[in-house]
């Protein structure tokens, strides 16, 4: 499964913790402003639990949009090294949106979210989430839409693909529920063992 890089503008938003990113598919970079001298214990503890998958980037020199430029630099560096990975900017600052739009034209998979909990895959992998089924369906639809003609053509290959999409962490009953949900809402049509798709035009 593709790695998801989460870059947090901690000057703009201060998530209480990073427990939603504990799955091995996530990498976290937390950008700390030059005037920020401390972070809460819960946040620091959750980042520490990620081991070498999480790190701080402390902005040493203050200046207008200094943190934003640092974050943009690291996105460029990471996307050049791993252009097929996913990237998430965590910030309420819409000033990042032109960068996001530009990178998308370069086929970089990137999105800005106001909060970590807005990342669909983070929600989907959280077993305690009351909306986990809806979030998982959203992730599946987005993945299938991106795949175009390479979508699975049988029930078995689609089921295996969904299982892999969620890092093979789904219980059999959850996987079966997702398949039934996709069929019930009309996103897939099953004929014997064959699958055809009726995905939303905006997906």
N, C-alpha and C. Protein backbone atom coordinates (compact mmCIF):
# COMPACT_ATOMS: atom_id res chain seq x y z
N UNK A 1 0.84 -1.19 0.00
CA UNK A 1 0.00 0.00 0.00
C UNK A 1 0.88 1.25 0.00
N UNK A 2 0.43 2.29 -0.69
CA UNK A 2 1.23 3.50 -0.80
C UNK A 2 1.38 4.21 0.54
N UNK A 3 2.57 4.77 0.75
CA UNK A 3 2.83 5.55 1.95
C UNK A 3 2.08 6.88 1.88
N UNK A 4 1.56 7.31 3.02
CA UNK A 4 0.88 8.60 3.15
C UNK A 4 1.72 9.52 4.02
N UNK A 5 2.19 10.62 3.44
CA UNK A 5 2.99 11.60 4.18
C UNK A 5 2.06 12.70 4.69
N UNK A 6 2.10 12.95 5.98
CA UNK A 6 1.25 13.97 6.60
C UNK A 6 2.15 15.08 7.14
N UNK A 7 1.99 16.28 6.58
CA UNK A 7 2.81 17.42 6.97
C UNK A 7 1.93 18.41 7.73
N UNK A 8 2.23 18.58 9.01
CA UNK A 8 1.38 19.37 9.90
C UNK A 8 1.94 20.78 10.09
N UNK A 9 1.14 21.78 9.74
CA UNK A 9 1.49 23.18 10.01
C UNK A 9 1.05 23.47 11.44
N UNK A 10 1.94 23.18 12.40
CA UNK A 10 1.57 23.27 13.81
C UNK A 10 1.38 24.72 14.27
N UNK A 11 1.86 25.64 13.48
CA UNK A 11 1.66 27.05 13.78
C UNK A 11 0.21 27.44 13.51
N UNK A 12 -0.40 26.75 12.55
CA UNK A 12 -1.77 27.06 12.14
C UNK A 12 -2.80 26.21 12.88
N UNK A 13 -2.52 24.93 13.03
CA UNK A 13 -3.43 24.03 13.75
C UNK A 13 -2.63 23.20 14.74
N UNK A 14 -3.22 22.92 15.89
CA UNK A 14 -2.55 22.14 16.93
C UNK A 14 -3.39 20.92 17.27
N UNK A 15 -3.21 19.83 16.52
CA UNK A 15 -3.95 18.60 16.83
C UNK A 15 -3.62 18.14 18.24
N UNK A 16 -4.58 17.58 18.97
CA UNK A 16 -4.29 17.11 20.32
C UNK A 16 -3.29 15.96 20.35
N UNK A 17 -3.28 15.16 19.27
CA UNK A 17 -2.36 14.03 19.19
C UNK A 17 -2.30 13.52 17.75
N UNK A 18 -1.46 12.51 17.54
CA UNK A 18 -1.30 11.91 16.21
C UNK A 18 -1.68 10.43 16.23
N UNK A 19 -2.53 10.05 17.16
CA UNK A 19 -2.87 8.63 17.29
C UNK A 19 -3.57 8.09 16.05
N UNK A 20 -4.21 8.95 15.26
CA UNK A 20 -4.87 8.51 14.03
C UNK A 20 -3.86 8.09 12.96
N UNK A 21 -2.57 8.39 13.20
CA UNK A 21 -1.54 8.09 12.21
C UNK A 21 -0.63 6.95 12.65
N UNK A 22 -1.08 6.13 13.56
CA UNK A 22 -0.21 5.07 14.09
C UNK A 22 -0.03 3.90 13.13
N UNK A 23 -0.87 3.80 12.11
CA UNK A 23 -0.69 2.72 11.14
C UNK A 23 0.62 2.92 10.39
N UNK A 24 1.34 1.85 10.08
CA UNK A 24 2.65 1.96 9.40
C UNK A 24 2.63 2.64 8.04
N UNK A 25 1.45 2.80 7.43
CA UNK A 25 1.42 3.45 6.12
C UNK A 25 1.62 4.97 6.24
N UNK A 26 1.54 5.52 7.45
CA UNK A 26 1.64 6.97 7.63
C UNK A 26 3.05 7.40 8.03
N UNK A 27 3.45 8.56 7.51
CA UNK A 27 4.67 9.26 7.92
C UNK A 27 4.24 10.67 8.32
N UNK A 28 4.81 11.20 9.39
CA UNK A 28 4.40 12.53 9.86
C UNK A 28 5.60 13.46 9.99
N UNK A 29 5.42 14.68 9.51
CA UNK A 29 6.40 15.75 9.72
C UNK A 29 5.64 16.91 10.34
N UNK A 30 6.07 17.32 11.52
CA UNK A 30 5.38 18.38 12.26
C UNK A 30 6.25 19.63 12.23
N UNK A 31 5.73 20.69 11.61
CA UNK A 31 6.49 21.93 11.46
C UNK A 31 6.13 22.88 12.60
N UNK A 32 7.14 23.17 13.43
CA UNK A 32 6.96 23.99 14.62
C UNK A 32 7.45 25.41 14.34
N UNK A 33 6.61 26.40 14.61
CA UNK A 33 6.98 27.79 14.36
C UNK A 33 8.13 28.26 15.24
N UNK A 34 8.80 29.31 14.80
CA UNK A 34 9.99 29.79 15.52
C UNK A 34 9.65 30.30 16.92
N UNK A 35 8.41 30.72 17.14
CA UNK A 35 8.01 31.23 18.45
C UNK A 35 7.31 30.18 19.32
N UNK A 36 7.24 28.96 18.83
CA UNK A 36 6.61 27.87 19.59
C UNK A 36 7.70 27.09 20.32
N UNK A 37 7.68 27.14 21.63
CA UNK A 37 8.76 26.54 22.41
C UNK A 37 8.39 25.20 23.04
N UNK A 38 7.11 24.82 22.99
CA UNK A 38 6.72 23.56 23.62
C UNK A 38 5.47 22.99 22.94
N UNK A 39 5.31 21.67 23.10
CA UNK A 39 4.10 20.99 22.63
C UNK A 39 3.55 20.18 23.80
N UNK A 40 2.24 19.93 23.85
CA UNK A 40 1.65 19.15 24.94
C UNK A 40 2.20 17.72 24.98
N UNK A 41 2.20 17.15 26.17
CA UNK A 41 2.74 15.80 26.34
C UNK A 41 2.03 14.78 25.46
N UNK A 42 0.70 14.84 25.39
CA UNK A 42 -0.05 13.85 24.61
C UNK A 42 0.37 13.87 23.14
N UNK A 43 0.57 15.08 22.62
CA UNK A 43 1.00 15.19 21.23
C UNK A 43 2.40 14.62 21.05
N UNK A 44 3.32 15.02 21.94
CA UNK A 44 4.70 14.54 21.85
C UNK A 44 4.76 13.02 21.99
N UNK A 45 3.95 12.49 22.90
CA UNK A 45 3.94 11.04 23.12
C UNK A 45 3.45 10.29 21.88
N UNK A 46 2.41 10.82 21.23
CA UNK A 46 1.88 10.15 20.04
C UNK A 46 2.87 10.19 18.88
N UNK A 47 3.64 11.28 18.78
CA UNK A 47 4.67 11.35 17.73
C UNK A 47 5.81 10.39 18.05
N UNK A 48 6.18 10.31 19.31
CA UNK A 48 7.26 9.40 19.73
C UNK A 48 6.89 7.96 19.44
N UNK A 49 5.62 7.62 19.60
CA UNK A 49 5.17 6.25 19.34
C UNK A 49 5.30 5.86 17.87
N UNK A 50 5.39 6.85 16.99
CA UNK A 50 5.56 6.56 15.57
C UNK A 50 7.00 6.17 15.23
N UNK A 51 7.90 6.35 16.18
CA UNK A 51 9.30 5.99 15.93
C UNK A 51 9.90 6.83 14.82
N UNK A 52 10.64 6.19 13.93
CA UNK A 52 11.29 6.94 12.86
C UNK A 52 10.33 7.34 11.74
N UNK A 53 9.03 7.04 11.91
CA UNK A 53 8.04 7.49 10.93
C UNK A 53 7.56 8.91 11.22
N UNK A 54 7.95 9.47 12.37
CA UNK A 54 7.53 10.82 12.72
C UNK A 54 8.71 11.68 13.13
N UNK A 55 8.64 12.97 12.79
CA UNK A 55 9.73 13.87 13.15
C UNK A 55 9.23 15.31 13.23
N UNK A 56 9.97 16.12 13.98
CA UNK A 56 9.71 17.55 14.06
C UNK A 56 10.62 18.29 13.08
N UNK A 57 10.10 19.40 12.55
CA UNK A 57 10.92 20.35 11.79
C UNK A 57 10.74 21.69 12.50
N UNK A 58 11.77 22.15 13.20
CA UNK A 58 11.68 23.41 13.94
C UNK A 58 12.16 24.55 13.05
N UNK A 59 11.32 25.56 12.90
CA UNK A 59 11.68 26.73 12.10
C UNK A 59 12.54 27.64 12.97
N UNK A 60 13.79 27.83 12.59
CA UNK A 60 14.73 28.57 13.42
C UNK A 60 14.61 30.08 13.25
N UNK A 61 14.33 30.54 12.04
CA UNK A 61 14.29 31.98 11.77
C UNK A 61 12.87 32.44 11.49
N UNK A 62 12.45 33.46 12.23
CA UNK A 62 11.11 34.00 12.05
C UNK A 62 11.05 34.87 10.79
N UNK A 63 9.91 34.86 10.17
CA UNK A 63 9.71 35.66 8.97
C UNK A 63 8.33 35.39 8.41
N UNK A 64 7.85 36.29 7.58
CA UNK A 64 6.53 36.13 6.99
C UNK A 64 6.45 34.84 6.17
N UNK A 65 5.51 33.97 6.54
CA UNK A 65 5.29 32.70 5.83
C UNK A 65 6.51 31.78 5.85
N UNK A 66 7.38 31.97 6.83
CA UNK A 66 8.59 31.15 6.89
C UNK A 66 8.27 29.66 6.99
N UNK A 67 7.34 29.31 7.88
CA UNK A 67 6.98 27.91 8.04
C UNK A 67 6.38 27.35 6.76
N UNK A 68 5.52 28.14 6.11
CA UNK A 68 4.88 27.69 4.87
C UNK A 68 5.91 27.33 3.80
N UNK A 69 6.94 28.16 3.69
CA UNK A 69 7.98 27.91 2.68
C UNK A 69 8.77 26.64 3.01
N UNK A 70 9.03 26.44 4.31
CA UNK A 70 9.73 25.22 4.71
C UNK A 70 8.89 23.98 4.36
N UNK A 71 7.60 24.05 4.68
CA UNK A 71 6.73 22.92 4.40
C UNK A 71 6.67 22.63 2.90
N UNK A 72 6.57 23.69 2.11
CA UNK A 72 6.53 23.53 0.65
C UNK A 72 7.82 22.90 0.14
N UNK A 73 8.96 23.29 0.73
CA UNK A 73 10.24 22.71 0.32
C UNK A 73 10.26 21.21 0.56
N UNK A 74 9.81 20.78 1.74
CA UNK A 74 9.84 19.36 2.06
C UNK A 74 8.86 18.56 1.21
N UNK A 75 7.72 19.15 0.86
CA UNK A 75 6.80 18.47 -0.05
C UNK A 75 7.47 18.24 -1.40
N UNK A 76 8.16 19.27 -1.88
CA UNK A 76 8.87 19.13 -3.14
C UNK A 76 9.93 18.05 -3.08
N UNK A 77 10.66 18.02 -1.98
CA UNK A 77 11.72 17.02 -1.80
C UNK A 77 11.14 15.61 -1.74
N UNK A 78 10.09 15.45 -0.95
CA UNK A 78 9.47 14.12 -0.79
C UNK A 78 8.80 13.65 -2.07
N UNK A 79 8.09 14.55 -2.74
CA UNK A 79 7.37 14.16 -3.95
C UNK A 79 8.33 13.84 -5.10
N UNK A 80 9.49 14.45 -5.08
CA UNK A 80 10.49 14.13 -6.11
C UNK A 80 11.07 12.74 -5.86
N UNK A 81 11.30 12.43 -4.58
CA UNK A 81 11.86 11.13 -4.23
C UNK A 81 10.84 10.00 -4.37
N UNK A 82 9.57 10.30 -4.06
CA UNK A 82 8.52 9.27 -4.09
C UNK A 82 7.26 9.84 -4.72
N UNK A 83 7.26 10.04 -6.03
CA UNK A 83 6.13 10.70 -6.71
C UNK A 83 4.82 9.92 -6.67
N UNK A 84 4.89 8.62 -6.34
CA UNK A 84 3.66 7.82 -6.31
C UNK A 84 3.06 7.72 -4.91
N UNK A 85 3.65 8.40 -3.93
CA UNK A 85 3.09 8.40 -2.58
C UNK A 85 1.97 9.43 -2.47
N UNK A 86 1.24 9.38 -1.35
CA UNK A 86 0.19 10.36 -1.07
C UNK A 86 0.73 11.41 -0.10
N UNK A 87 0.25 12.66 -0.26
CA UNK A 87 0.70 13.76 0.59
C UNK A 87 -0.50 14.53 1.12
N UNK A 88 -0.43 14.85 2.42
CA UNK A 88 -1.52 15.57 3.08
C UNK A 88 -0.94 16.76 3.85
N UNK A 89 -1.41 17.96 3.55
CA UNK A 89 -1.04 19.15 4.32
C UNK A 89 -2.14 19.38 5.35
N UNK A 90 -1.76 19.47 6.61
CA UNK A 90 -2.74 19.72 7.67
C UNK A 90 -2.64 21.18 8.07
N UNK A 91 -3.61 21.96 7.61
CA UNK A 91 -3.63 23.40 7.88
C UNK A 91 -4.97 23.98 7.44
N UNK A 92 -5.40 25.03 8.12
CA UNK A 92 -6.60 25.75 7.70
C UNK A 92 -6.25 26.89 6.75
N UNK A 93 -4.98 27.05 6.49
CA UNK A 93 -4.49 28.14 5.64
C UNK A 93 -4.74 27.82 4.17
N UNK A 94 -5.66 28.55 3.56
CA UNK A 94 -5.98 28.32 2.14
C UNK A 94 -4.86 28.80 1.22
N UNK A 95 -3.85 29.45 1.78
CA UNK A 95 -2.71 29.88 0.98
C UNK A 95 -1.94 28.71 0.38
N UNK A 96 -2.12 27.52 0.95
CA UNK A 96 -1.47 26.33 0.39
C UNK A 96 -2.18 25.83 -0.87
N UNK A 97 -3.41 26.23 -1.08
CA UNK A 97 -4.22 25.65 -2.15
C UNK A 97 -3.64 25.84 -3.56
N UNK A 98 -3.05 27.00 -3.89
CA UNK A 98 -2.42 27.11 -5.22
C UNK A 98 -1.29 26.10 -5.41
N UNK A 99 -0.52 25.84 -4.34
CA UNK A 99 0.54 24.83 -4.41
C UNK A 99 -0.06 23.46 -4.65
N UNK A 100 -1.12 23.14 -3.90
CA UNK A 100 -1.79 21.85 -4.06
C UNK A 100 -2.30 21.69 -5.48
N UNK A 101 -2.93 22.73 -5.99
CA UNK A 101 -3.48 22.68 -7.35
C UNK A 101 -2.38 22.47 -8.38
N UNK A 102 -1.26 23.15 -8.19
CA UNK A 102 -0.14 23.02 -9.13
C UNK A 102 0.44 21.60 -9.10
N UNK A 103 0.64 21.07 -7.90
CA UNK A 103 1.21 19.73 -7.78
C UNK A 103 0.29 18.68 -8.38
N UNK A 104 -1.00 18.90 -8.29
CA UNK A 104 -1.94 17.95 -8.90
C UNK A 104 -1.78 17.92 -10.42
N UNK A 105 -1.43 19.06 -11.01
CA UNK A 105 -1.21 19.08 -12.47
C UNK A 105 0.04 18.27 -12.83
N UNK A 106 0.90 18.04 -11.84
CA UNK A 106 2.11 17.24 -12.04
C UNK A 106 1.88 15.79 -11.63
N UNK A 107 0.61 15.43 -11.46
CA UNK A 107 0.20 14.07 -11.10
C UNK A 107 0.66 13.67 -9.70
N UNK A 108 0.85 14.65 -8.82
CA UNK A 108 1.17 14.37 -7.43
C UNK A 108 -0.14 14.24 -6.65
N UNK A 109 -0.27 13.18 -5.88
CA UNK A 109 -1.49 12.92 -5.11
C UNK A 109 -1.41 13.68 -3.79
N UNK A 110 -2.03 14.84 -3.75
CA UNK A 110 -1.90 15.71 -2.59
C UNK A 110 -3.23 16.39 -2.27
N UNK A 111 -3.44 16.66 -0.98
CA UNK A 111 -4.66 17.34 -0.54
C UNK A 111 -4.36 18.10 0.74
N UNK A 112 -5.05 19.23 0.92
CA UNK A 112 -4.96 19.96 2.19
C UNK A 112 -6.20 19.62 3.01
N UNK A 113 -6.00 19.39 4.32
CA UNK A 113 -7.10 19.10 5.23
C UNK A 113 -7.00 20.04 6.44
N UNK A 114 -8.12 20.54 6.93
CA UNK A 114 -8.10 21.39 8.12
C UNK A 114 -7.68 20.64 9.39
N UNK A 115 -7.86 19.31 9.38
CA UNK A 115 -7.52 18.51 10.56
C UNK A 115 -7.07 17.12 10.13
N UNK A 116 -6.27 16.48 10.96
CA UNK A 116 -5.81 15.12 10.67
C UNK A 116 -6.99 14.18 10.52
N UNK A 117 -8.01 14.39 11.33
CA UNK A 117 -9.18 13.51 11.29
C UNK A 117 -10.00 13.68 10.02
N UNK A 118 -9.63 14.64 9.17
CA UNK A 118 -10.30 14.80 7.88
C UNK A 118 -9.67 13.94 6.79
N UNK A 119 -8.55 13.30 7.08
CA UNK A 119 -7.93 12.40 6.11
C UNK A 119 -8.78 11.14 6.05
N UNK A 120 -9.41 10.85 4.91
CA UNK A 120 -10.32 9.70 4.83
C UNK A 120 -9.70 8.38 5.28
N UNK A 121 -8.45 8.12 4.87
CA UNK A 121 -7.83 6.85 5.21
C UNK A 121 -7.55 6.76 6.71
N UNK A 122 -7.20 7.87 7.34
CA UNK A 122 -6.97 7.86 8.78
C UNK A 122 -8.26 7.50 9.51
N UNK A 123 -9.38 8.04 9.03
CA UNK A 123 -10.67 7.69 9.63
C UNK A 123 -11.01 6.23 9.38
N UNK A 124 -10.76 5.80 8.16
CA UNK A 124 -11.14 4.44 7.77
C UNK A 124 -10.38 3.38 8.55
N UNK A 125 -9.13 3.67 8.91
CA UNK A 125 -8.31 2.70 9.64
C UNK A 125 -8.51 2.77 11.14
N UNK A 126 -9.34 3.71 11.59
CA UNK A 126 -9.60 3.84 13.02
C UNK A 126 -10.81 2.98 13.38
N UNK A 127 -10.61 1.84 14.05
CA UNK A 127 -11.73 0.93 14.33
C UNK A 127 -12.78 1.53 15.23
N UNK A 128 -12.40 2.55 16.02
CA UNK A 128 -13.37 3.14 16.94
C UNK A 128 -14.24 4.19 16.27
N UNK A 129 -13.96 4.51 15.03
CA UNK A 129 -14.70 5.56 14.35
C UNK A 129 -16.14 5.12 14.07
N UNK A 130 -17.13 5.90 14.49
CA UNK A 130 -18.53 5.52 14.25
C UNK A 130 -18.90 5.62 12.77
N UNK A 131 -18.11 6.37 12.00
CA UNK A 131 -18.40 6.55 10.58
C UNK A 131 -17.43 5.76 9.71
N UNK A 132 -16.85 4.69 10.27
CA UNK A 132 -15.79 3.98 9.56
C UNK A 132 -16.27 3.39 8.24
N UNK A 133 -17.50 2.87 8.19
CA UNK A 133 -17.99 2.27 6.94
C UNK A 133 -18.10 3.33 5.85
N UNK A 134 -18.70 4.46 6.16
CA UNK A 134 -18.84 5.53 5.17
C UNK A 134 -17.48 6.05 4.72
N UNK A 135 -16.56 6.20 5.67
CA UNK A 135 -15.23 6.69 5.32
C UNK A 135 -14.49 5.67 4.46
N UNK A 136 -14.64 4.41 4.78
CA UNK A 136 -13.99 3.37 3.99
C UNK A 136 -14.54 3.33 2.57
N UNK A 137 -15.85 3.47 2.44
CA UNK A 137 -16.46 3.50 1.11
C UNK A 137 -15.92 4.68 0.30
N UNK A 138 -15.76 5.82 0.96
CA UNK A 138 -15.23 7.00 0.28
C UNK A 138 -13.82 6.74 -0.24
N UNK A 139 -12.99 6.11 0.59
CA UNK A 139 -11.62 5.78 0.18
C UNK A 139 -11.62 4.81 -1.00
N UNK A 140 -12.50 3.81 -0.94
CA UNK A 140 -12.58 2.81 -2.02
C UNK A 140 -12.99 3.47 -3.33
N UNK A 141 -14.02 4.32 -3.28
CA UNK A 141 -14.51 4.99 -4.49
C UNK A 141 -13.41 5.86 -5.10
N UNK A 142 -12.69 6.59 -4.25
CA UNK A 142 -11.61 7.45 -4.74
C UNK A 142 -10.52 6.61 -5.41
N UNK A 143 -10.19 5.48 -4.79
CA UNK A 143 -9.16 4.61 -5.34
C UNK A 143 -9.59 4.01 -6.68
N UNK A 144 -10.82 3.52 -6.74
CA UNK A 144 -11.32 2.92 -7.98
C UNK A 144 -11.41 3.95 -9.10
N UNK A 145 -11.80 5.17 -8.75
CA UNK A 145 -11.92 6.23 -9.76
C UNK A 145 -10.57 6.56 -10.37
N UNK A 146 -9.53 6.56 -9.53
CA UNK A 146 -8.18 6.86 -10.02
C UNK A 146 -7.65 5.75 -10.92
N UNK A 147 -8.10 4.53 -10.70
CA UNK A 147 -7.52 3.38 -11.41
C UNK A 147 -8.03 3.21 -12.84
N UNK A 148 -9.14 3.86 -13.16
CA UNK A 148 -9.62 3.81 -14.54
C UNK A 148 -9.81 2.40 -15.05
N UNK A 149 -9.19 2.09 -16.18
CA UNK A 149 -9.37 0.79 -16.82
C UNK A 149 -8.68 -0.36 -16.10
N UNK A 150 -7.90 -0.05 -15.07
CA UNK A 150 -7.19 -1.11 -14.34
C UNK A 150 -7.98 -1.59 -13.12
N UNK A 151 -9.26 -1.23 -13.05
CA UNK A 151 -10.08 -1.68 -11.92
C UNK A 151 -10.26 -3.20 -11.95
N UNK A 152 -10.39 -3.81 -10.78
CA UNK A 152 -10.63 -5.26 -10.71
C UNK A 152 -11.91 -5.64 -11.45
N UNK A 153 -11.89 -6.79 -12.10
CA UNK A 153 -13.03 -7.20 -12.92
C UNK A 153 -13.81 -8.37 -12.33
N UNK A 154 -13.35 -8.91 -11.22
CA UNK A 154 -14.09 -10.01 -10.58
C UNK A 154 -14.30 -9.69 -9.11
N UNK A 155 -15.26 -10.38 -8.51
CA UNK A 155 -15.55 -10.18 -7.09
C UNK A 155 -14.31 -10.48 -6.24
N UNK A 156 -13.62 -11.55 -6.58
CA UNK A 156 -12.44 -11.95 -5.80
C UNK A 156 -11.33 -10.92 -5.88
N UNK A 157 -11.03 -10.44 -7.09
CA UNK A 157 -9.93 -9.48 -7.22
C UNK A 157 -10.31 -8.13 -6.60
N UNK A 158 -11.58 -7.75 -6.68
CA UNK A 158 -12.01 -6.51 -6.04
C UNK A 158 -11.90 -6.62 -4.53
N UNK A 159 -12.34 -7.75 -3.99
CA UNK A 159 -12.26 -7.97 -2.55
C UNK A 159 -10.81 -7.94 -2.08
N UNK A 160 -9.93 -8.60 -2.83
CA UNK A 160 -8.51 -8.61 -2.48
C UNK A 160 -7.91 -7.21 -2.57
N UNK A 161 -8.35 -6.46 -3.58
CA UNK A 161 -7.84 -5.10 -3.77
C UNK A 161 -8.24 -4.20 -2.60
N UNK A 162 -9.49 -4.33 -2.16
CA UNK A 162 -9.97 -3.53 -1.03
C UNK A 162 -9.21 -3.91 0.24
N UNK A 163 -9.00 -5.20 0.42
CA UNK A 163 -8.27 -5.68 1.60
C UNK A 163 -6.86 -5.08 1.62
N UNK A 164 -6.21 -5.06 0.47
CA UNK A 164 -4.87 -4.49 0.36
C UNK A 164 -4.89 -2.98 0.58
N UNK A 165 -5.93 -2.32 0.07
CA UNK A 165 -6.06 -0.87 0.22
C UNK A 165 -6.03 -0.46 1.69
N UNK A 166 -6.60 -1.30 2.55
CA UNK A 166 -6.65 -1.00 3.97
C UNK A 166 -5.60 -1.81 4.75
N UNK A 167 -4.46 -2.00 4.08
CA UNK A 167 -3.29 -2.62 4.71
C UNK A 167 -3.60 -4.00 5.29
N UNK A 168 -4.58 -4.69 4.71
CA UNK A 168 -4.97 -6.04 5.13
C UNK A 168 -5.34 -6.09 6.62
N UNK A 169 -5.99 -5.02 7.08
CA UNK A 169 -6.39 -4.94 8.49
C UNK A 169 -7.89 -5.13 8.69
N UNK A 170 -8.63 -5.37 7.61
CA UNK A 170 -10.07 -5.53 7.73
C UNK A 170 -10.44 -6.94 8.16
N UNK A 171 -11.38 -7.03 9.08
CA UNK A 171 -11.92 -8.34 9.45
C UNK A 171 -12.77 -8.85 8.28
N UNK A 172 -12.87 -10.16 8.10
CA UNK A 172 -13.67 -10.71 6.99
C UNK A 172 -15.09 -10.15 6.94
N UNK A 173 -15.72 -9.99 8.10
CA UNK A 173 -17.10 -9.47 8.12
C UNK A 173 -17.14 -8.01 7.64
N UNK A 174 -16.09 -7.23 7.95
CA UNK A 174 -16.04 -5.84 7.50
C UNK A 174 -15.83 -5.76 6.00
N UNK A 175 -14.99 -6.65 5.49
CA UNK A 175 -14.74 -6.69 4.05
C UNK A 175 -16.01 -7.07 3.30
N UNK A 176 -16.72 -8.06 3.83
CA UNK A 176 -17.98 -8.48 3.21
C UNK A 176 -19.01 -7.36 3.26
N UNK A 177 -19.04 -6.62 4.38
CA UNK A 177 -19.98 -5.50 4.53
C UNK A 177 -19.70 -4.41 3.49
N UNK A 178 -18.43 -4.13 3.26
CA UNK A 178 -18.07 -3.10 2.28
C UNK A 178 -18.47 -3.51 0.87
N UNK A 179 -18.26 -4.77 0.53
CA UNK A 179 -18.65 -5.26 -0.79
C UNK A 179 -20.17 -5.14 -0.97
N UNK A 180 -20.92 -5.52 0.05
CA UNK A 180 -22.38 -5.43 -0.03
C UNK A 180 -22.84 -3.98 -0.10
N UNK A 181 -22.15 -3.11 0.62
CA UNK A 181 -22.50 -1.69 0.61
C UNK A 181 -22.27 -1.09 -0.77
N UNK A 182 -21.15 -1.43 -1.39
CA UNK A 182 -20.85 -0.93 -2.74
C UNK A 182 -21.93 -1.38 -3.73
N UNK A 183 -22.36 -2.63 -3.59
CA UNK A 183 -23.38 -3.15 -4.49
C UNK A 183 -24.75 -2.52 -4.21
N UNK A 184 -25.07 -2.36 -2.94
CA UNK A 184 -26.37 -1.79 -2.56
C UNK A 184 -26.52 -0.35 -3.03
N UNK A 185 -25.44 0.43 -2.94
CA UNK A 185 -25.53 1.84 -3.34
C UNK A 185 -25.36 2.02 -4.85
N UNK A 186 -25.13 0.91 -5.56
CA UNK A 186 -25.07 0.97 -7.01
C UNK A 186 -23.71 1.31 -7.60
N UNK A 187 -22.67 1.35 -6.76
CA UNK A 187 -21.33 1.67 -7.27
C UNK A 187 -20.75 0.52 -8.07
N UNK A 188 -21.17 -0.70 -7.73
CA UNK A 188 -20.75 -1.87 -8.50
C UNK A 188 -21.97 -2.71 -8.85
N UNK A 189 -21.86 -3.44 -9.95
CA UNK A 189 -22.90 -4.38 -10.36
C UNK A 189 -22.23 -5.75 -10.48
N UNK A 190 -22.75 -6.72 -9.74
CA UNK A 190 -22.17 -8.06 -9.75
C UNK A 190 -23.04 -8.99 -10.57
N UNK A 191 -22.43 -9.62 -11.55
CA UNK A 191 -23.12 -10.60 -12.40
C UNK A 191 -22.30 -11.88 -12.36
N UNK A 192 -22.81 -12.88 -11.62
CA UNK A 192 -22.04 -14.08 -11.32
C UNK A 192 -20.79 -13.65 -10.56
N UNK A 193 -19.62 -13.87 -11.12
CA UNK A 193 -18.39 -13.48 -10.43
C UNK A 193 -17.77 -12.21 -11.03
N UNK A 194 -18.45 -11.64 -12.03
CA UNK A 194 -17.92 -10.46 -12.72
C UNK A 194 -18.43 -9.17 -12.07
N UNK A 195 -17.61 -8.13 -12.16
CA UNK A 195 -17.96 -6.83 -11.58
C UNK A 195 -17.86 -5.74 -12.63
N UNK A 196 -18.89 -4.90 -12.71
CA UNK A 196 -18.83 -3.69 -13.52
C UNK A 196 -19.10 -2.51 -12.58
N UNK A 197 -18.74 -1.31 -13.04
CA UNK A 197 -18.76 -0.15 -12.15
C UNK A 197 -19.71 0.95 -12.63
N UNK A 198 -20.32 1.60 -11.66
CA UNK A 198 -21.15 2.78 -11.90
C UNK A 198 -20.75 3.83 -10.87
N UNK A 199 -19.54 4.33 -11.02
CA UNK A 199 -19.00 5.27 -10.05
C UNK A 199 -19.53 6.68 -10.29
N UNK A 200 -19.61 7.49 -9.24
CA UNK A 200 -20.07 8.87 -9.40
C UNK A 200 -19.19 9.63 -10.38
N UNK A 201 -19.80 10.45 -11.20
CA UNK A 201 -19.04 11.20 -12.21
C UNK A 201 -18.04 12.14 -11.57
N UNK A 202 -18.32 12.62 -10.35
CA UNK A 202 -17.44 13.57 -9.67
C UNK A 202 -16.37 12.90 -8.86
N UNK A 203 -16.40 11.56 -8.79
CA UNK A 203 -15.42 10.84 -7.96
C UNK A 203 -14.04 10.92 -8.56
